[in-house]
N, C-alpha and C. Protein backbone atom coordinates (compact mmCIF):
# COMPACT_ATOMS: atom_id res chain seq x y z
N MET A 1 0.84 -1.16 0.00
CA MET A 1 0.00 0.00 0.00
C MET A 1 0.90 1.25 0.00
N GLU A 2 0.65 2.13 -0.92
CA GLU A 2 1.48 3.33 -1.06
C GLU A 2 0.92 4.46 -0.20
N GLU A 3 1.83 5.08 0.55
CA GLU A 3 1.42 6.20 1.41
C GLU A 3 1.67 7.51 0.67
N THR A 4 0.69 8.38 0.68
CA THR A 4 0.85 9.66 0.01
C THR A 4 1.48 10.67 0.95
N ASN A 5 2.28 11.57 0.39
CA ASN A 5 2.88 12.63 1.19
C ASN A 5 1.88 13.77 1.32
N ARG A 6 1.46 14.02 2.54
CA ARG A 6 0.55 15.12 2.81
C ARG A 6 1.20 16.03 3.83
N THR A 7 0.87 17.29 3.78
CA THR A 7 1.44 18.25 4.71
C THR A 7 0.88 18.02 6.10
N ASP A 8 1.77 17.90 7.08
CA ASP A 8 1.37 17.76 8.47
C ASP A 8 1.08 19.16 9.01
N LYS A 9 -0.18 19.46 9.25
CA LYS A 9 -0.61 20.81 9.61
C LYS A 9 -0.02 21.28 10.94
N ASP A 10 0.08 20.38 11.93
CA ASP A 10 0.60 20.78 13.23
C ASP A 10 2.06 21.21 13.13
N ILE A 11 2.85 20.45 12.39
CA ILE A 11 4.26 20.80 12.23
C ILE A 11 4.40 22.07 11.39
N LEU A 12 3.54 22.24 10.40
CA LEU A 12 3.56 23.44 9.57
C LEU A 12 3.27 24.69 10.41
N VAL A 13 2.29 24.63 11.30
CA VAL A 13 1.97 25.77 12.16
C VAL A 13 3.14 26.09 13.07
N LYS A 14 3.79 25.06 13.60
CA LYS A 14 4.96 25.26 14.45
C LYS A 14 6.07 25.96 13.66
N GLY A 15 6.28 25.57 12.42
CA GLY A 15 7.29 26.21 11.58
C GLY A 15 6.96 27.65 11.26
N VAL A 16 5.69 27.95 11.01
CA VAL A 16 5.27 29.32 10.72
C VAL A 16 5.45 30.20 11.96
N LYS A 17 5.17 29.67 13.14
CA LYS A 17 5.38 30.43 14.37
C LYS A 17 6.86 30.72 14.57
N THR A 18 7.71 29.76 14.27
CA THR A 18 9.15 29.97 14.37
C THR A 18 9.61 31.04 13.39
N MET A 19 9.05 31.03 12.18
CA MET A 19 9.40 32.05 11.19
C MET A 19 8.90 33.43 11.63
N ALA A 20 7.77 33.50 12.31
CA ALA A 20 7.26 34.78 12.81
C ALA A 20 8.20 35.34 13.88
N LEU A 21 8.70 34.47 14.75
CA LEU A 21 9.68 34.88 15.75
C LEU A 21 10.95 35.39 15.07
N SER A 22 11.37 34.70 14.03
CA SER A 22 12.55 35.12 13.29
C SER A 22 12.34 36.49 12.64
N ALA A 23 11.17 36.72 12.08
CA ALA A 23 10.87 38.01 11.45
C ALA A 23 10.89 39.14 12.49
N ALA A 24 10.35 38.88 13.66
CA ALA A 24 10.37 39.90 14.72
C ALA A 24 11.81 40.22 15.12
N LEU A 25 12.64 39.19 15.25
CA LEU A 25 14.04 39.41 15.61
C LEU A 25 14.82 40.07 14.49
N MET A 26 14.40 39.87 13.24
CA MET A 26 15.07 40.52 12.11
C MET A 26 14.89 42.03 12.15
N PHE A 27 13.80 42.50 12.73
CA PHE A 27 13.60 43.94 12.88
C PHE A 27 14.21 44.46 14.18
N LEU A 28 14.08 43.68 15.25
CA LEU A 28 14.56 44.11 16.56
C LEU A 28 16.09 44.21 16.60
N GLY A 29 16.78 43.21 16.07
CA GLY A 29 18.24 43.17 16.14
C GLY A 29 18.91 44.37 15.48
N PRO A 30 18.66 44.63 14.19
CA PRO A 30 19.29 45.79 13.55
C PRO A 30 18.86 47.13 14.16
N THR A 31 17.62 47.23 14.65
CA THR A 31 17.19 48.46 15.29
C THR A 31 17.99 48.73 16.56
N LEU A 32 18.14 47.70 17.38
CA LEU A 32 18.96 47.85 18.59
C LEU A 32 20.42 48.11 18.25
N LEU A 33 20.91 47.49 17.21
CA LEU A 33 22.29 47.70 16.78
C LEU A 33 22.51 49.15 16.37
N TYR A 34 21.57 49.71 15.63
CA TYR A 34 21.66 51.12 15.22
C TYR A 34 21.63 52.04 16.45
N ILE A 35 20.74 51.73 17.38
CA ILE A 35 20.64 52.55 18.60
C ILE A 35 21.94 52.49 19.38
N ALA A 36 22.50 51.30 19.50
CA ALA A 36 23.74 51.15 20.27
C ALA A 36 24.90 51.87 19.59
N LEU A 37 25.03 51.73 18.29
CA LEU A 37 26.17 52.32 17.60
C LEU A 37 26.05 53.84 17.43
N SER A 38 24.85 54.37 17.54
CA SER A 38 24.70 55.82 17.42
C SER A 38 24.84 56.53 18.77
N ASN A 39 24.92 55.78 19.85
CA ASN A 39 25.06 56.36 21.20
C ASN A 39 26.24 55.74 21.93
N LYS A 40 27.43 55.85 21.36
CA LYS A 40 28.61 55.21 21.96
C LYS A 40 29.01 55.81 23.30
N GLU A 41 28.63 57.05 23.55
CA GLU A 41 29.04 57.69 24.80
C GLU A 41 28.09 57.39 25.96
N LYS A 42 26.96 56.76 25.69
CA LYS A 42 25.98 56.45 26.74
C LYS A 42 26.46 55.28 27.60
N PRO A 43 26.01 55.19 28.86
CA PRO A 43 26.46 54.10 29.74
C PRO A 43 25.91 52.72 29.35
N LEU A 44 24.78 52.67 28.65
CA LEU A 44 24.20 51.38 28.27
C LEU A 44 24.66 50.91 26.89
N TYR A 45 25.74 51.46 26.37
CA TYR A 45 26.23 51.10 25.04
C TYR A 45 26.55 49.61 24.93
N ILE A 46 27.34 49.09 25.85
CA ILE A 46 27.77 47.69 25.78
C ILE A 46 26.60 46.72 25.98
N PRO A 47 25.74 46.88 26.98
CA PRO A 47 24.62 45.94 27.13
C PRO A 47 23.67 45.94 25.93
N ILE A 48 23.37 47.12 25.38
CA ILE A 48 22.48 47.17 24.22
C ILE A 48 23.14 46.52 23.00
N LEU A 49 24.44 46.73 22.86
CA LEU A 49 25.18 46.12 21.76
C LEU A 49 25.16 44.60 21.88
N ILE A 50 25.34 44.08 23.06
CA ILE A 50 25.32 42.62 23.28
C ILE A 50 23.93 42.05 22.97
N VAL A 51 22.88 42.71 23.45
CA VAL A 51 21.51 42.24 23.19
C VAL A 51 21.22 42.29 21.69
N ALA A 52 21.70 43.33 21.02
CA ALA A 52 21.47 43.47 19.57
C ALA A 52 22.15 42.34 18.81
N LEU A 53 23.38 42.03 19.17
CA LEU A 53 24.10 40.96 18.47
C LEU A 53 23.46 39.59 18.74
N ILE A 54 22.98 39.38 19.94
CA ILE A 54 22.28 38.13 20.26
C ILE A 54 20.98 38.04 19.45
N ALA A 55 20.25 39.16 19.33
CA ALA A 55 19.00 39.16 18.57
C ALA A 55 19.27 38.90 17.09
N CYS A 56 20.34 39.47 16.54
CA CYS A 56 20.68 39.23 15.12
C CYS A 56 21.04 37.75 14.90
N GLY A 57 21.84 37.20 15.78
CA GLY A 57 22.21 35.78 15.66
C GLY A 57 21.01 34.87 15.83
N SER A 58 20.14 35.21 16.75
CA SER A 58 18.93 34.41 16.97
C SER A 58 17.99 34.47 15.77
N ALA A 59 17.93 35.61 15.11
CA ALA A 59 17.08 35.73 13.92
C ALA A 59 17.54 34.76 12.83
N ILE A 60 18.85 34.66 12.65
CA ILE A 60 19.39 33.73 11.65
C ILE A 60 19.09 32.29 12.06
N TYR A 61 19.33 31.97 13.33
CA TYR A 61 19.09 30.60 13.82
C TYR A 61 17.63 30.20 13.66
N PHE A 62 16.72 31.05 14.13
CA PHE A 62 15.30 30.71 14.06
C PHE A 62 14.78 30.71 12.62
N GLY A 63 15.40 31.50 11.75
CA GLY A 63 15.03 31.47 10.33
C GLY A 63 15.32 30.11 9.72
N PHE A 64 16.54 29.60 9.93
CA PHE A 64 16.88 28.28 9.40
C PHE A 64 16.06 27.18 10.05
N LYS A 65 15.86 27.29 11.37
CA LYS A 65 15.08 26.26 12.07
C LYS A 65 13.62 26.25 11.57
N GLY A 66 13.03 27.43 11.35
CA GLY A 66 11.67 27.51 10.85
C GLY A 66 11.53 26.94 9.45
N LEU A 67 12.50 27.28 8.57
CA LEU A 67 12.46 26.72 7.21
C LEU A 67 12.58 25.21 7.22
N LYS A 68 13.48 24.68 8.07
CA LYS A 68 13.64 23.22 8.16
C LYS A 68 12.35 22.57 8.66
N THR A 69 11.71 23.18 9.64
CA THR A 69 10.47 22.62 10.17
C THR A 69 9.36 22.63 9.12
N ILE A 70 9.27 23.72 8.35
CA ILE A 70 8.25 23.79 7.30
C ILE A 70 8.53 22.75 6.22
N MET A 71 9.78 22.59 5.83
CA MET A 71 10.13 21.58 4.82
C MET A 71 9.85 20.17 5.33
N ASP A 72 10.14 19.94 6.61
CA ASP A 72 9.85 18.62 7.19
C ASP A 72 8.35 18.34 7.18
N SER A 73 7.54 19.35 7.42
CA SER A 73 6.09 19.12 7.43
C SER A 73 5.57 18.77 6.04
N MET A 74 6.25 19.25 5.00
CA MET A 74 5.76 19.00 3.64
C MET A 74 6.34 17.71 3.03
N PHE A 75 7.61 17.44 3.27
CA PHE A 75 8.27 16.38 2.51
C PHE A 75 8.71 15.17 3.31
N LYS A 76 8.64 15.22 4.63
CA LYS A 76 9.13 14.10 5.43
C LYS A 76 8.13 12.95 5.40
N LYS A 77 8.63 11.75 5.21
CA LYS A 77 7.76 10.56 5.21
C LYS A 77 7.44 10.18 6.64
N ARG A 78 6.20 9.83 6.89
CA ARG A 78 5.77 9.40 8.21
C ARG A 78 5.55 7.89 8.20
N GLN A 79 5.81 7.29 9.37
CA GLN A 79 5.61 5.84 9.47
C GLN A 79 4.19 5.53 9.81
C-alpha cells in the first residue's frame, strides 16, 4: 500500500510560528544595533550592543530552524 505525502498541519503551524519569531528578531536586532552604535558615549552602550548581536544571531538561527520545520512538514515521510 502506497502512502501519500501530505502536509502535516501541526508541524507546519509550528514552523510558521518559528518564522514569525525570526521576522520579529530581524527587525529588533538591527534596530537595537543602530541605537547602540549611534550612542557610543551612553552608559548602556555595551549591554544594548550585546543584546542586539544576540538578537541578530537568533534571527538567523530561528530562520533556518523555521524553514527546516516547514520543509519537514511537507516532505518528510511518516511511518
